[in-house]
Amino acid sequence: MLTKLKVTNFAIIEDLEINFKTGLTVLTGETGAGKSLIIDCIGLLLGERAASEMIRQGEDKAVVDGIFDNQGPLIKAFLEKLDIPEKEGQIEIRRTISTRKNVIKINDVTVSLTELKGLATLLADIHQQFDMVKLFNSENYLTMVDGFNHHLIKQYLNKYLEAYHELKEQHEKYQALVRRVNEFNANQEQYEYTYKELEAIDLKEGEEGEIDNQISLLENYDKIYSLMMENKELADGQSLNDLYQIKDNLNKLSEYQDEYKAIHARVNDLYYELEDIYETLTRKPSRMEYDPALLDSLIERSRAINNLKKKYKKSFDELLSYHKELGELLAYKEDYSILLKEEKDKYIASYNATYLAAMDLHKVREQIGLNIAKELEKTLGELALTCRFNIEVNATLCDENYSLSIFNENGVDAIEFYIETNVGEGLKPLAKVVSGGELSRVMLAIKLLYIKAQKIQTIIFDEIDTGISGDVANRVAKKIKELAINHQVITITHLPQVASYSDHHVRIAKSISNNRTYTTIKQLTLDEKIYEIASLISTGKVTDKQLEYAKEMVLNGK
C-alpha cells in the first residue's frame, strides 16, 4: 500500500507531504485547490508520463516521491529481476522532472518508464476522470475483458500468438515465391537470352586473372626474357663460392671461440637459402615462344568479358554466380506451379491452425464475458441501477480468400458492451444510452470486479462518484467502504455520503501569498471532518442543522 507521498515544486504545490494509512482515505476541497494534482502525482509514481510544464513556475525541477509497502512474492521477484535491492520492506519511487532530463528511481536505482509501469501494475490501480471516456470507445472493451482473467487469457493468447507469428512467416514465404514467379514470368525471355549469352562465352573460375597475366607476359616478352638471362649470368659468378668459404671459416673459428657459433649459424642459413635461389636462377630460361595469334585471341577474350561486365554491371565473379543462378532459375521453370501449390497449401494449413487457436481464445473470452455480465448486473443492482448487461464477443469470420487481415495481435475478436436500463427497451450499446451518473456506476462496478480479479491492494479514484446523489450516492459510498475493508482506497469526492464513510479525511486547500498560489493539506480531526461534510451539504453558510446531520452521517458510516 501507499504509505507516504512527498511532492516538491509540482504545479501549484510547493512542498507537500501526506501520510496514508489502510482503509478509506477521502480527499475533499474546493475546485482548483489541487485535489487532482495529488492524483496526478500518484499517477506519476505508477508510470504516467511527465512533462516539464508540470514544474512550478520559477523552479528548475519538480520531485514526486512515494513510499509503498513491499508486499507479496510477485513484487519481490520483480525487484530481483531488475537487480533492485529491498529497502527495509519498502519500495521508494522517485520521479524527478526537469527541463533537461527526467529521472525515475526505484530504491535509488535508475529505471525506465516501461520498468516502472511493470512494477506499478503490482502496486496499485488508479482511476482518473478521463478513464470514464474509455467506456465510450468499444476498442477499449477487449483489454477490459482480458483483464478480468489475465492468467487464463495469457495461456490461450500465447498459443494463438505462436500460431499467428508462424502464419505471418509462412505468408511471407508464400508471397516471396509468388513475387519470384511473377518476376520470372515477366522476364523469362530476357533470362533465357542472358543465360545463352553467358553459356556461349563459357566463363571459367579464375580465368580473368589468368588471361590478364598471359597478356602481360606476351606484351612484355622481350623485357622479361632479357632480365631472366641477365639474372642467370649474375648467378653463375663466384659470390656463392665466396660465401661458402666464409661459412667454413666461421665453423672453424667457433671451435676456438663460442661467440662465432651464432654468426656461423646465421651465415649457414643464409648460404642454403641463397643456394636454392641461385639454383633456380642458373637454370637456362626456357625460350618462351612469342605467339602473336595467342595474344590477339587473349585480348579479344578479355574484351568480350569486359563488355559483359559493363553490360550487366557485374564483376567477373558475379557473372559466374549470375550464370549459375539463371541456370537454376530456368531449370525449375516447369516446377513453379508445383512449388506454388505446395507453399499455398502450407499457408492455408497454418491459416486454419491460427484461426482454430483464435477461436479457442474467443470461446474463453465469451465465457469470461458471460461471467462478468452476471456480476455486473448484480453489482449495478446494489448501486441502484437495475439493468440487463450483455458482453458480446464477436469473432471475424474465416476469410474464404485466406486474407491475413482478419488477424491481429489480440486474435479475431471485437467486443461490445450492451445494457438495458429500462425494461422493454432492449439491449443497446452502453456508450449510447447511459447518463453520466449511470456511467459512473458502471465504471465503479467494472473497477470493483477488476480489483477483485487482480488482487490489487491499493486503489485510487478521482471522482468516480460524478453525477450521482441521494440514495444512489449512499449506495456508492457503501460499496467503496466495503472495498476498503480489504484494500487501501484513496478517493477524491464531492459527495458527503462518501466522505462520511471515510477512515481518514484530508482537506486540500488553496491559498495565495505574495502573488503566488499554494496548495496545502490538512489531516482532519473528527470535528473538522464533520464540519467539512456539513460544508459539502451546504450551499452557503454551514448551519447547526447541517452540522447535526453531518454528525449523524459520520456515525452511520462507522
Protein backbone atom coordinates (compact mmCIF):
# COMPACT_ATOMS: atom_id res chain seq x y z
CA MET A 1 0.00 0.00 0.00
CA LEU A 2 0.99 3.63 -0.44
CA THR A 3 2.25 4.97 2.90
CA LYS A 4 3.74 8.35 2.01
CA LEU A 5 3.60 10.91 -0.78
CA LYS A 6 6.02 13.84 -0.86
CA VAL A 7 5.78 16.46 -3.61
CA THR A 8 8.06 19.42 -4.31
CA ASN A 9 7.53 22.18 -6.90
CA PHE A 10 4.79 20.45 -8.84
CA ALA A 11 2.33 22.95 -10.42
CA ILE A 12 0.87 24.98 -7.51
CA ILE A 13 2.30 22.56 -4.94
CA GLU A 14 5.46 23.99 -3.40
CA ASP A 15 6.14 21.43 -0.68
CA LEU A 16 3.63 18.83 0.45
CA GLU A 17 3.71 15.55 2.36
CA ILE A 18 0.82 13.16 3.03
CA ASN A 19 0.96 10.01 5.13
CA PHE A 20 -1.57 7.41 4.01
CA LYS A 21 -3.00 4.52 6.01
CA THR A 22 -5.13 1.46 5.40
CA GLY A 23 -8.87 1.76 4.84
CA LEU A 24 -10.67 4.56 3.05
CA THR A 25 -8.99 7.95 2.70
CA VAL A 26 -11.02 10.76 1.13
CA LEU A 27 -9.67 13.99 -0.30
CA THR A 28 -12.02 16.96 -0.38
CA GLY A 29 -11.64 20.63 -1.13
CA GLU A 30 -12.71 23.43 -3.40
CA THR A 31 -12.44 23.10 -7.16
CA GLY A 32 -8.94 24.10 -8.27
CA ALA A 33 -7.40 23.57 -4.84
CA GLY A 34 -5.18 20.78 -6.15
CA LYS A 35 -7.03 17.54 -5.38
CA SER A 36 -6.49 16.16 -8.87
CA LEU A 37 -2.84 17.22 -8.69
CA ILE A 38 -2.43 14.75 -5.82
CA ILE A 39 -3.88 12.00 -8.04
CA ASP A 40 -1.64 13.15 -10.90
CA CYS A 41 1.39 12.79 -8.63
CA ILE A 42 0.35 9.27 -7.62
CA GLY A 43 -0.15 8.61 -11.34
CA LEU A 44 3.48 9.60 -11.96
CA LEU A 45 4.57 7.08 -9.34
CA LEU A 46 2.59 4.48 -11.28
CA GLY A 47 4.14 5.24 -14.65
CA GLU A 48 2.23 8.16 -16.14
CA ARG A 49 4.29 10.33 -18.48
CA ALA A 50 5.83 13.51 -17.11
CA ALA A 51 6.15 16.90 -18.82
CA SER A 52 8.28 19.93 -17.97
CA GLU A 53 5.09 22.04 -17.90
CA MET A 54 4.34 20.36 -14.56
CA ILE A 55 7.26 22.18 -12.90
CA ARG A 56 6.24 25.05 -10.62
CA GLN A 57 6.81 28.48 -12.12
CA GLY A 58 10.30 29.78 -11.37
CA GLU A 59 11.75 26.38 -10.41
CA ASP A 60 14.07 24.15 -12.47
CA LYS A 61 12.73 20.79 -11.35
CA ALA A 62 9.87 19.01 -9.64
CA VAL A 63 10.19 15.91 -7.46
CA VAL A 64 7.49 13.38 -6.64
CA ASP A 65 8.46 10.78 -4.06
CA GLY A 66 6.29 7.89 -2.88
CA ILE A 67 6.79 5.01 -0.49
CA PHE A 68 4.90 1.74 -0.78
CA ASP A 69 4.93 -1.28 1.49
CA ASN A 70 6.72 -4.15 -0.23
CA GLN A 71 4.02 -6.80 -0.26
CA GLY A 72 3.96 -10.19 -1.94
CA PRO A 73 6.31 -12.54 -3.78
CA LEU A 74 5.48 -11.07 -7.22
CA ILE A 75 6.84 -7.67 -6.20
CA LYS A 76 9.93 -9.27 -4.68
CA ALA A 77 10.55 -11.29 -7.86
CA PHE A 78 10.11 -8.16 -10.00
CA LEU A 79 12.69 -6.24 -7.97
CA GLU A 80 15.15 -9.14 -8.11
CA LYS A 81 14.78 -9.32 -11.89
CA LEU A 82 15.87 -5.67 -12.16
CA ASP A 83 18.60 -6.07 -9.50
CA ILE A 84 16.84 -3.56 -7.26
CA PRO A 85 17.68 -4.05 -3.57
CA GLU A 86 14.98 -4.18 -0.93
CA LYS A 87 14.75 -1.16 1.32
CA GLU A 88 13.62 -2.15 4.80
CA GLY A 89 10.46 -3.79 3.47
CA GLN A 90 9.56 -0.69 1.46
CA ILE A 91 9.61 0.48 -2.14
CA GLU A 92 10.56 4.10 -2.75
CA ILE A 93 9.71 5.52 -6.15
CA ARG A 94 11.06 8.93 -7.10
CA ARG A 95 10.26 10.90 -10.23
CA THR A 96 12.47 13.93 -10.92
CA ILE A 97 11.11 16.18 -13.66
CA SER A 98 13.32 18.87 -15.15
CA THR A 99 13.66 20.88 -18.33
CA ARG A 100 16.80 18.89 -19.17
CA LYS A 101 16.25 15.29 -18.16
CA ASN A 102 13.60 13.28 -16.32
CA VAL A 103 14.85 10.59 -13.94
CA ILE A 104 12.98 7.63 -12.46
CA LYS A 105 14.37 5.72 -9.50
CA ILE A 106 13.15 2.71 -7.56
CA ASN A 107 15.00 2.24 -4.27
CA ASP A 108 17.72 4.57 -5.61
CA VAL A 109 18.20 2.51 -8.79
CA THR A 110 17.53 4.33 -12.07
CA VAL A 111 14.91 2.54 -14.20
CA SER A 112 13.00 3.12 -17.43
CA LEU A 113 9.37 4.21 -17.67
CA THR A 114 8.45 0.77 -19.01
CA GLU A 115 10.05 -0.92 -15.99
CA LEU A 116 8.20 1.42 -13.63
CA LYS A 117 4.91 0.61 -15.34
CA GLY A 118 5.64 -3.08 -14.89
CA LEU A 119 6.03 -2.61 -11.15
CA ALA A 120 3.03 -0.28 -10.93
CA THR A 121 0.62 -2.99 -12.09
CA LEU A 122 1.56 -4.91 -8.94
CA LEU A 123 1.24 -1.94 -6.61
CA ALA A 124 -1.96 -0.06 -7.37
CA ASP A 125 -4.79 0.68 -9.77
CA ILE A 126 -5.68 4.28 -10.49
CA HIS A 127 -8.93 5.61 -11.93
CA GLN A 128 -8.72 9.14 -13.27
CA GLN A 129 -11.52 11.32 -14.59
CA PHE A 130 -10.64 10.74 -18.24
CA ASP A 131 -10.83 6.96 -17.72
CA MET A 132 -14.60 7.29 -17.93
CA VAL A 133 -14.16 8.18 -21.60
CA LYS A 134 -12.86 4.64 -22.23
CA LEU A 135 -16.42 3.36 -21.84
CA PHE A 136 -17.44 5.43 -24.87
CA ASN A 137 -14.98 3.58 -27.12
CA SER A 138 -15.61 -0.11 -27.76
CA GLU A 139 -11.96 -0.56 -28.79
CA ASN A 140 -11.11 -0.50 -25.08
CA TYR A 141 -13.52 -3.29 -24.14
CA LEU A 142 -11.29 -6.16 -25.22
CA THR A 143 -8.49 -5.04 -22.87
CA MET A 144 -11.03 -4.69 -20.07
CA VAL A 145 -12.44 -8.19 -20.59
CA ASP A 146 -8.97 -9.75 -20.82
CA GLY A 147 -8.01 -8.05 -17.57
CA PHE A 148 -10.70 -9.90 -15.62
CA ASN A 149 -8.89 -13.22 -16.06
CA HIS A 150 -5.43 -12.23 -17.18
CA HIS A 151 -3.71 -15.55 -16.42
CA LEU A 152 -6.23 -17.69 -18.32
CA ILE A 153 -6.28 -15.28 -21.26
CA LYS A 154 -2.48 -15.25 -21.35
CA GLN A 155 -2.37 -19.05 -21.75
CA TYR A 156 -4.66 -19.02 -24.77
CA LEU A 157 -3.27 -15.79 -26.19
CA ASN A 158 0.28 -17.19 -26.15
CA LYS A 159 -0.86 -20.29 -28.06
CA TYR A 160 -2.63 -18.08 -30.58
CA LEU A 161 0.37 -15.73 -30.97
CA GLU A 162 2.68 -18.68 -31.60
CA ALA A 163 0.40 -19.81 -34.44
CA TYR A 164 -0.12 -16.24 -35.68
CA HIS A 165 3.59 -15.44 -35.91
CA GLU A 166 4.23 -18.74 -37.71
CA LEU A 167 1.41 -17.83 -40.10
CA LYS A 168 3.00 -14.46 -40.86
CA GLU A 169 6.32 -16.17 -41.62
CA GLN A 170 4.59 -18.69 -43.88
CA HIS A 171 2.67 -15.87 -45.57
CA GLU A 172 5.91 -14.03 -46.30
CA LYS A 173 7.48 -17.21 -47.74
CA TYR A 174 4.49 -17.76 -49.99
CA GLN A 175 4.36 -14.13 -51.10
CA ALA A 176 8.11 -14.16 -51.77
CA LEU A 177 7.64 -17.18 -54.04
CA VAL A 178 4.70 -15.51 -55.78
CA ARG A 179 6.82 -12.41 -56.40
CA ARG A 180 9.66 -14.59 -57.66
CA VAL A 181 7.39 -16.49 -60.05
CA ASN A 182 5.75 -13.28 -61.30
CA GLU A 183 9.14 -11.74 -61.84
CA PHE A 184 10.28 -14.87 -63.69
CA ASN A 185 7.22 -14.90 -65.94
CA ALA A 186 7.68 -11.21 -66.74
CA ASN A 187 11.39 -11.62 -67.53
CA GLN A 188 11.63 -15.19 -68.82
CA GLU A 189 12.70 -14.23 -72.36
CA GLN A 190 15.40 -11.91 -71.03
CA TYR A 191 16.62 -14.56 -68.60
CA GLU A 192 16.84 -17.14 -71.40
CA TYR A 193 18.72 -14.72 -73.69
CA THR A 194 21.19 -13.76 -70.93
CA TYR A 195 21.75 -17.37 -69.95
CA LYS A 196 22.54 -18.33 -73.55
CA GLU A 197 24.92 -15.39 -73.85
CA LEU A 198 26.77 -16.38 -70.67
CA GLU A 199 26.66 -20.05 -71.64
CA ALA A 200 28.23 -19.22 -75.00
CA ILE A 201 31.19 -17.34 -73.54
CA ASP A 202 31.74 -20.22 -71.08
CA LEU A 203 33.43 -18.32 -68.24
CA LYS A 204 35.84 -20.31 -66.07
CA GLU A 205 36.61 -19.64 -62.43
CA GLY A 206 39.89 -17.70 -62.07
CA GLU A 207 40.05 -17.17 -65.83
CA GLU A 208 40.09 -13.39 -65.77
CA GLY A 209 43.27 -13.16 -63.69
CA GLU A 210 45.00 -15.84 -65.75
CA ILE A 211 44.18 -14.02 -69.03
CA ASP A 212 45.50 -10.73 -67.66
CA ASN A 213 48.76 -12.45 -66.62
CA GLN A 214 49.23 -14.08 -70.02
CA ILE A 215 48.56 -10.82 -71.86
CA SER A 216 51.07 -9.02 -69.66
CA LEU A 217 53.64 -11.77 -70.30
CA LEU A 218 53.26 -11.71 -74.07
CA GLU A 219 53.11 -7.94 -74.37
CA ASN A 220 56.37 -7.61 -72.37
CA TYR A 221 58.06 -10.70 -73.76
CA ASP A 222 61.41 -9.11 -74.76
CA LYS A 223 61.92 -7.33 -71.42
CA ILE A 224 61.07 -10.44 -69.40
CA TYR A 225 63.41 -12.71 -71.39
CA SER A 226 66.27 -10.21 -71.25
CA LEU A 227 66.03 -9.85 -67.46
CA MET A 228 65.90 -13.63 -66.98
CA MET A 229 69.12 -14.10 -68.99
CA GLU A 230 70.87 -11.32 -67.07
CA ASN A 231 69.93 -12.98 -63.75
CA LYS A 232 71.37 -16.27 -64.98
CA GLU A 233 74.71 -14.67 -65.88
CA LEU A 234 74.94 -12.93 -62.49
CA ALA A 235 74.09 -16.11 -60.62
CA ASP A 236 76.85 -18.05 -62.42
CA GLY A 237 79.50 -15.87 -60.63
CA GLN A 238 81.84 -16.61 -57.75
CA SER A 239 79.78 -14.95 -54.97
CA LEU A 240 78.17 -18.17 -53.69
CA ASN A 241 81.57 -19.91 -53.51
CA ASP A 242 82.96 -17.00 -51.51
CA LEU A 243 80.06 -17.23 -49.09
CA TYR A 244 80.71 -20.97 -48.71
CA GLN A 245 84.34 -20.26 -47.77
CA ILE A 246 83.20 -17.67 -45.18
CA LYS A 247 80.78 -20.26 -43.73
CA ASP A 248 83.55 -22.85 -43.48
CA ASN A 249 85.97 -20.44 -41.80
CA LEU A 250 83.36 -19.41 -39.24
CA ASN A 251 82.75 -23.05 -38.43
CA LYS A 252 86.46 -23.49 -37.64
CA LEU A 253 86.59 -20.29 -35.58
CA SER A 254 83.64 -21.42 -33.49
CA GLU A 255 85.74 -24.35 -32.28
CA TYR A 256 88.01 -21.82 -30.54
CA GLN A 257 85.59 -19.07 -29.53
CA ASP A 258 81.89 -19.56 -28.73
CA GLU A 259 80.88 -16.09 -29.94
CA TYR A 260 81.36 -17.27 -33.56
CA LYS A 261 78.83 -20.08 -33.21
CA ALA A 262 75.82 -17.75 -33.51
CA ILE A 263 77.34 -15.93 -36.50
CA HIS A 264 78.15 -19.25 -38.18
CA ALA A 265 74.55 -20.41 -37.72
CA ARG A 266 73.18 -17.26 -39.36
CA VAL A 267 75.62 -17.44 -42.32
CA ASN A 268 74.85 -21.14 -42.68
CA ASP A 269 71.11 -20.44 -43.03
CA LEU A 270 71.81 -17.61 -45.46
CA TYR A 271 74.08 -19.84 -47.60
CA TYR A 272 71.49 -22.57 -48.10
CA GLU A 273 68.76 -20.02 -48.86
CA LEU A 274 70.94 -18.34 -51.49
CA GLU A 275 72.00 -21.70 -52.90
CA ASP A 276 68.38 -22.53 -53.55
CA ILE A 277 67.77 -19.15 -55.22
CA TYR A 278 70.92 -19.47 -57.37
CA GLU A 279 69.90 -22.92 -58.49
CA THR A 280 66.63 -21.54 -59.76
CA LEU A 281 68.27 -18.58 -61.50
CA THR A 282 71.03 -20.62 -63.17
CA ARG A 283 68.61 -22.93 -64.87
CA LYS A 284 68.52 -21.99 -68.53
CA PRO A 285 65.37 -19.94 -69.07
CA SER A 286 63.01 -21.81 -71.33
CA ARG A 287 62.79 -19.97 -74.61
CA MET A 288 59.27 -18.63 -74.45
CA GLU A 289 57.75 -18.62 -77.82
CA TYR A 290 56.18 -15.34 -78.77
CA ASP A 291 52.75 -16.10 -80.28
CA PRO A 292 51.02 -13.01 -81.68
CA ALA A 293 47.93 -15.03 -82.61
CA LEU A 294 47.59 -16.17 -78.99
CA LEU A 295 47.98 -12.59 -77.77
CA ASP A 296 45.25 -11.39 -80.14
CA SER A 297 42.86 -14.14 -79.03
CA LEU A 298 43.52 -13.37 -75.35
CA ILE A 299 42.89 -9.65 -75.89
CA GLU A 300 39.69 -10.45 -77.74
CA ARG A 301 38.59 -12.77 -74.90
CA SER A 302 39.35 -10.10 -72.31
CA ARG A 303 37.40 -7.51 -74.33
CA ALA A 304 34.37 -9.85 -74.55
CA ILE A 305 34.44 -10.45 -70.78
CA ASN A 306 34.72 -6.72 -70.02
CA ASN A 307 31.82 -5.97 -72.36
CA LEU A 308 29.62 -8.42 -70.40
CA LYS A 309 30.74 -6.95 -67.08
CA LYS A 310 29.81 -3.49 -68.32
CA LYS A 311 26.55 -4.67 -69.87
CA TYR A 312 25.26 -6.39 -66.75
CA LYS A 313 27.07 -4.14 -64.25
CA LYS A 314 28.61 -7.11 -62.51
CA SER A 315 32.13 -8.25 -61.61
CA PHE A 316 33.63 -11.39 -63.16
CA ASP A 317 32.76 -13.48 -60.10
CA GLU A 318 29.25 -12.01 -60.06
CA LEU A 319 28.80 -13.02 -63.72
CA LEU A 320 29.76 -16.58 -62.81
CA SER A 321 27.21 -16.61 -59.97
CA TYR A 322 24.56 -14.97 -62.18
CA HIS A 323 25.06 -17.63 -64.86
CA LYS A 324 24.60 -20.38 -62.26
CA GLU A 325 21.56 -18.61 -60.77
CA LEU A 326 19.88 -18.22 -64.14
CA GLY A 327 20.57 -21.85 -64.91
CA GLU A 328 18.84 -22.95 -61.73
CA LEU A 329 16.00 -20.49 -62.33
CA LEU A 330 15.34 -21.78 -65.81
CA ALA A 331 15.76 -25.41 -64.77
CA TYR A 332 12.89 -25.02 -62.27
CA LYS A 333 10.52 -23.17 -64.58
CA GLU A 334 8.41 -26.27 -65.09
CA ASP A 335 8.20 -26.84 -61.30
CA TYR A 336 7.00 -23.38 -60.26
CA SER A 337 3.33 -24.32 -60.37
CA ILE A 338 4.08 -27.30 -58.11
CA LEU A 339 6.13 -25.16 -55.72
CA LEU A 340 3.40 -22.52 -55.59
CA LYS A 341 0.78 -25.13 -54.72
CA GLU A 342 2.98 -26.63 -52.01
CA GLU A 343 3.65 -23.24 -50.38
CA LYS A 344 0.00 -22.23 -50.65
CA ASP A 345 -1.08 -25.49 -49.02
CA LYS A 346 1.36 -24.83 -46.17
CA TYR A 347 -0.01 -21.30 -45.80
CA ILE A 348 -3.62 -22.50 -45.75
CA ALA A 349 -2.78 -25.16 -43.16
CA SER A 350 -1.08 -22.52 -41.00
CA TYR A 351 -4.02 -20.17 -41.56
CA ASN A 352 -6.52 -22.78 -40.38
CA ALA A 353 -4.39 -23.62 -37.33
CA THR A 354 -4.20 -19.94 -36.43
CA TYR A 355 -7.94 -19.50 -36.81
CA LEU A 356 -8.60 -22.51 -34.57
CA ALA A 357 -6.29 -21.02 -31.91
CA ALA A 358 -8.11 -17.69 -32.30
CA MET A 359 -11.46 -19.41 -31.81
CA ASP A 360 -10.22 -21.16 -28.66
CA LEU A 361 -9.28 -17.72 -27.35
CA HIS A 362 -12.67 -16.41 -28.50
CA LYS A 363 -14.55 -19.08 -26.51
CA VAL A 364 -12.61 -18.20 -23.35
CA ARG A 365 -13.48 -14.53 -23.81
CA GLU A 366 -17.13 -15.42 -24.36
CA GLN A 367 -17.22 -17.31 -21.06
CA ILE A 368 -15.45 -14.50 -19.23
CA GLY A 369 -17.92 -12.05 -20.78
CA LEU A 370 -20.90 -14.10 -19.55
CA ASN A 371 -19.45 -14.25 -16.03
CA ILE A 372 -18.66 -10.53 -15.97
CA ALA A 373 -22.11 -9.59 -17.27
CA LYS A 374 -23.79 -11.54 -14.46
CA GLU A 375 -21.53 -10.00 -11.83
CA LEU A 376 -22.05 -6.51 -13.26
CA GLU A 377 -25.84 -6.90 -13.19
CA LYS A 378 -25.63 -7.91 -9.53
CA THR A 379 -23.22 -5.13 -8.55
CA LEU A 380 -25.12 -2.47 -10.50
CA GLY A 381 -28.34 -3.58 -8.79
CA GLU A 382 -26.65 -2.93 -5.45
CA LEU A 383 -25.75 0.51 -6.80
CA ALA A 384 -29.41 1.24 -7.58
CA LEU A 385 -29.05 0.58 -11.29
CA THR A 386 -31.29 -2.37 -12.13
CA CYS A 387 -30.42 -3.44 -15.64
CA ARG A 388 -29.61 -6.18 -18.07
CA PHE A 389 -25.97 -6.26 -19.14
CA ASN A 390 -24.51 -8.19 -22.03
CA ILE A 391 -20.94 -8.51 -23.28
CA GLU A 392 -20.93 -9.57 -26.91
CA VAL A 393 -17.72 -11.11 -28.19
CA ASN A 394 -17.79 -11.14 -32.00
CA ALA A 395 -15.24 -13.15 -33.96
CA THR A 396 -14.38 -12.16 -37.51
CA LEU A 397 -15.42 -14.95 -39.86
CA CYS A 398 -12.76 -17.02 -41.57
CA ASP A 399 -11.91 -15.38 -44.89
CA GLU A 400 -12.52 -17.63 -47.91
CA ASN A 401 -9.60 -15.89 -49.61
CA TYR A 402 -7.40 -16.60 -46.61
CA SER A 403 -6.64 -12.95 -46.06
CA LEU A 404 -4.19 -12.27 -43.24
CA SER A 405 -6.03 -9.03 -42.38
CA ILE A 406 -8.63 -10.74 -40.16
CA PHE A 407 -5.92 -11.45 -37.56
CA ASN A 408 -4.09 -9.13 -35.21
CA GLU A 409 -2.01 -9.47 -32.04
CA ASN A 410 -5.20 -9.92 -29.96
CA GLY A 411 -6.92 -12.53 -32.11
CA VAL A 412 -10.02 -12.04 -34.25
CA ASP A 413 -12.39 -10.61 -31.63
CA ALA A 414 -14.25 -7.33 -31.33
CA ILE A 415 -16.20 -6.69 -28.12
CA GLU A 416 -19.26 -4.55 -27.47
CA PHE A 417 -20.96 -3.77 -24.14
CA TYR A 418 -24.77 -3.67 -24.22
CA ILE A 419 -27.09 -2.50 -21.46
CA GLU A 420 -30.82 -2.21 -20.89
CA THR A 421 -31.64 0.25 -18.11
CA ASN A 422 -35.38 0.45 -18.85
CA VAL A 423 -37.41 -2.74 -19.07
CA GLY A 424 -38.74 -3.41 -22.54
CA GLU A 425 -36.37 -1.04 -24.32
CA GLY A 426 -33.97 -3.81 -25.30
CA LEU A 427 -30.19 -4.02 -25.12
CA LYS A 428 -28.34 -1.08 -26.65
CA PRO A 429 -24.64 -0.11 -26.88
CA LEU A 430 -23.50 1.13 -23.47
CA ALA A 431 -21.92 4.36 -24.75
CA LYS A 432 -25.13 5.47 -26.48
CA VAL A 433 -27.69 5.09 -23.71
CA VAL A 434 -26.23 5.67 -20.23
CA SER A 435 -26.30 9.01 -18.43
CA GLY A 436 -23.36 10.49 -16.55
CA GLY A 437 -24.48 9.07 -13.21
CA GLU A 438 -25.15 5.67 -14.73
CA LEU A 439 -21.77 5.68 -16.42
CA SER A 440 -20.08 6.40 -13.06
CA ARG A 441 -21.76 3.39 -11.52
CA VAL A 442 -20.90 1.15 -14.47
CA MET A 443 -17.26 2.20 -14.23
CA LEU A 444 -17.26 1.65 -10.46
CA ALA A 445 -18.83 -1.78 -10.88
CA ILE A 446 -16.23 -2.71 -13.52
CA LYS A 447 -13.44 -1.44 -11.28
CA LEU A 448 -14.75 -3.43 -8.32
CA LEU A 449 -14.75 -6.65 -10.33
CA TYR A 450 -11.36 -5.90 -11.87
CA ILE A 451 -9.77 -5.21 -8.49
CA LYS A 452 -11.21 -8.44 -7.14
CA ALA A 453 -9.80 -10.39 -10.10
CA GLN A 454 -6.36 -8.77 -9.98
CA LYS A 455 -5.95 -8.82 -6.18
CA ILE A 456 -4.66 -5.23 -6.19
CA GLN A 457 -4.03 -3.75 -2.72
CA THR A 458 -4.24 0.00 -3.42
CA ILE A 459 -6.98 1.68 -5.43
CA ILE A 460 -7.14 5.37 -6.27
CA PHE A 461 -10.34 7.02 -7.51
CA ASP A 462 -10.56 10.52 -8.92
CA GLU A 463 -14.26 11.44 -8.61
CA ILE A 464 -15.67 8.10 -9.67
CA ASP A 465 -18.90 9.24 -7.99
CA THR A 466 -19.58 12.04 -10.51
CA GLY A 467 -23.21 12.71 -11.44
CA ILE A 468 -24.94 10.90 -8.57
CA SER A 469 -26.70 11.99 -5.39
CA GLY A 470 -29.24 10.91 -2.76
CA ASP A 471 -29.77 7.20 -2.19
CA VAL A 472 -27.58 6.29 -5.17
CA ALA A 473 -24.71 8.24 -3.62
CA ASN A 474 -25.20 6.43 -0.34
CA ARG A 475 -25.09 3.05 -2.07
CA VAL A 476 -21.94 4.01 -3.96
CA ALA A 477 -20.38 5.16 -0.69
CA LYS A 478 -21.16 1.83 0.96
CA LYS A 479 -19.61 -0.06 -1.96
CA ILE A 480 -16.44 2.00 -1.74
CA LYS A 481 -16.38 1.42 2.03
CA GLU A 482 -16.80 -2.34 1.51
CA LEU A 483 -13.87 -2.26 -0.90
CA ALA A 484 -11.76 -0.50 1.74
CA ILE A 485 -12.23 -3.35 4.21
CA ASN A 486 -9.60 -5.43 2.38
CA HIS A 487 -7.92 -2.73 0.31
CA GLN A 488 -6.40 0.69 0.69
CA VAL A 489 -8.71 3.13 -1.09
CA ILE A 490 -7.86 6.76 -1.79
CA THR A 491 -10.58 8.82 -3.43
CA ILE A 492 -11.42 12.37 -4.35
CA THR A 493 -15.06 13.15 -3.71
CA HIS A 494 -17.60 15.96 -3.61
CA LEU A 495 -20.21 13.72 -2.01
CA PRO A 496 -20.88 13.99 1.73
CA GLN A 497 -22.10 10.38 1.67
CA VAL A 498 -18.70 9.09 0.51
CA ALA A 499 -16.82 11.39 2.89
CA SER A 500 -18.90 10.20 5.84
CA TYR A 501 -17.71 6.63 5.36
CA SER A 502 -14.01 7.57 5.38
CA ASP A 503 -11.49 6.23 7.83
CA HIS A 504 -9.20 9.18 7.12
CA HIS A 505 -10.17 12.57 5.77
CA VAL A 506 -7.73 15.02 4.14
CA ARG A 507 -8.75 18.52 3.14
CA ILE A 508 -6.95 20.13 0.20
CA ALA A 509 -6.94 23.93 0.19
CA LYS A 510 -5.51 26.69 -1.95
CA SER A 511 -4.03 29.93 -0.65
CA ILE A 512 -2.38 33.00 -2.20
CA SER A 513 0.66 34.70 -0.67
CA ASN A 514 2.95 37.27 -2.26
CA ASN A 515 1.20 36.83 -5.59
CA ARG A 516 1.88 33.07 -5.59
CA THR A 517 -0.62 30.24 -5.29
CA TYR A 518 -0.02 27.39 -2.86
CA THR A 519 -1.73 24.05 -2.22
CA THR A 520 -1.92 22.95 1.39
CA ILE A 521 -3.28 19.85 3.11
CA LYS A 522 -4.74 19.09 6.50
CA GLN A 523 -5.49 15.74 8.12
CA LEU A 524 -8.89 16.39 9.70
CA THR A 525 -9.90 15.54 13.23
CA LEU A 526 -13.37 14.08 13.85
CA ASP A 527 -14.90 17.52 14.50
CA GLU A 528 -13.15 19.00 11.47
CA LYS A 529 -14.38 16.10 9.37
CA ILE A 530 -17.98 16.70 10.50
CA TYR A 531 -17.66 20.37 9.60
CA GLU A 532 -16.17 19.54 6.19
CA ILE A 533 -19.05 17.15 5.44
CA ALA A 534 -21.54 19.83 6.51
CA SER A 535 -19.79 22.17 4.07
CA LEU A 536 -20.31 19.63 1.31
CA ILE A 537 -24.02 19.53 2.18
CA SER A 538 -24.39 23.29 2.44
CA THR A 539 -24.81 25.66 -0.47
CA GLY A 540 -23.78 28.60 1.67
CA LYS A 541 -23.01 29.15 5.33
CA VAL A 542 -22.92 25.96 7.41
CA THR A 543 -25.89 25.74 9.80
CA ASP A 544 -26.27 23.88 13.10
CA LYS A 545 -28.82 21.61 11.45
CA GLN A 546 -26.34 20.70 8.72
CA LEU A 547 -23.67 20.04 11.33
CA GLU A 548 -26.06 17.75 13.20
CA TYR A 549 -26.95 15.91 10.02
CA ALA A 550 -23.24 15.58 9.11
CA LYS A 551 -22.51 14.15 12.56
CA GLU A 552 -25.29 11.62 12.10
CA MET A 553 -23.91 10.65 8.69
CA VAL A 554 -20.46 10.07 10.19
CA LEU A 555 -21.88 7.91 12.97
CA ASN A 556 -23.87 5.89 10.43
CA GLY A 557 -20.77 5.49 8.28
CA LYS A 558 -18.71 3.86 11.03
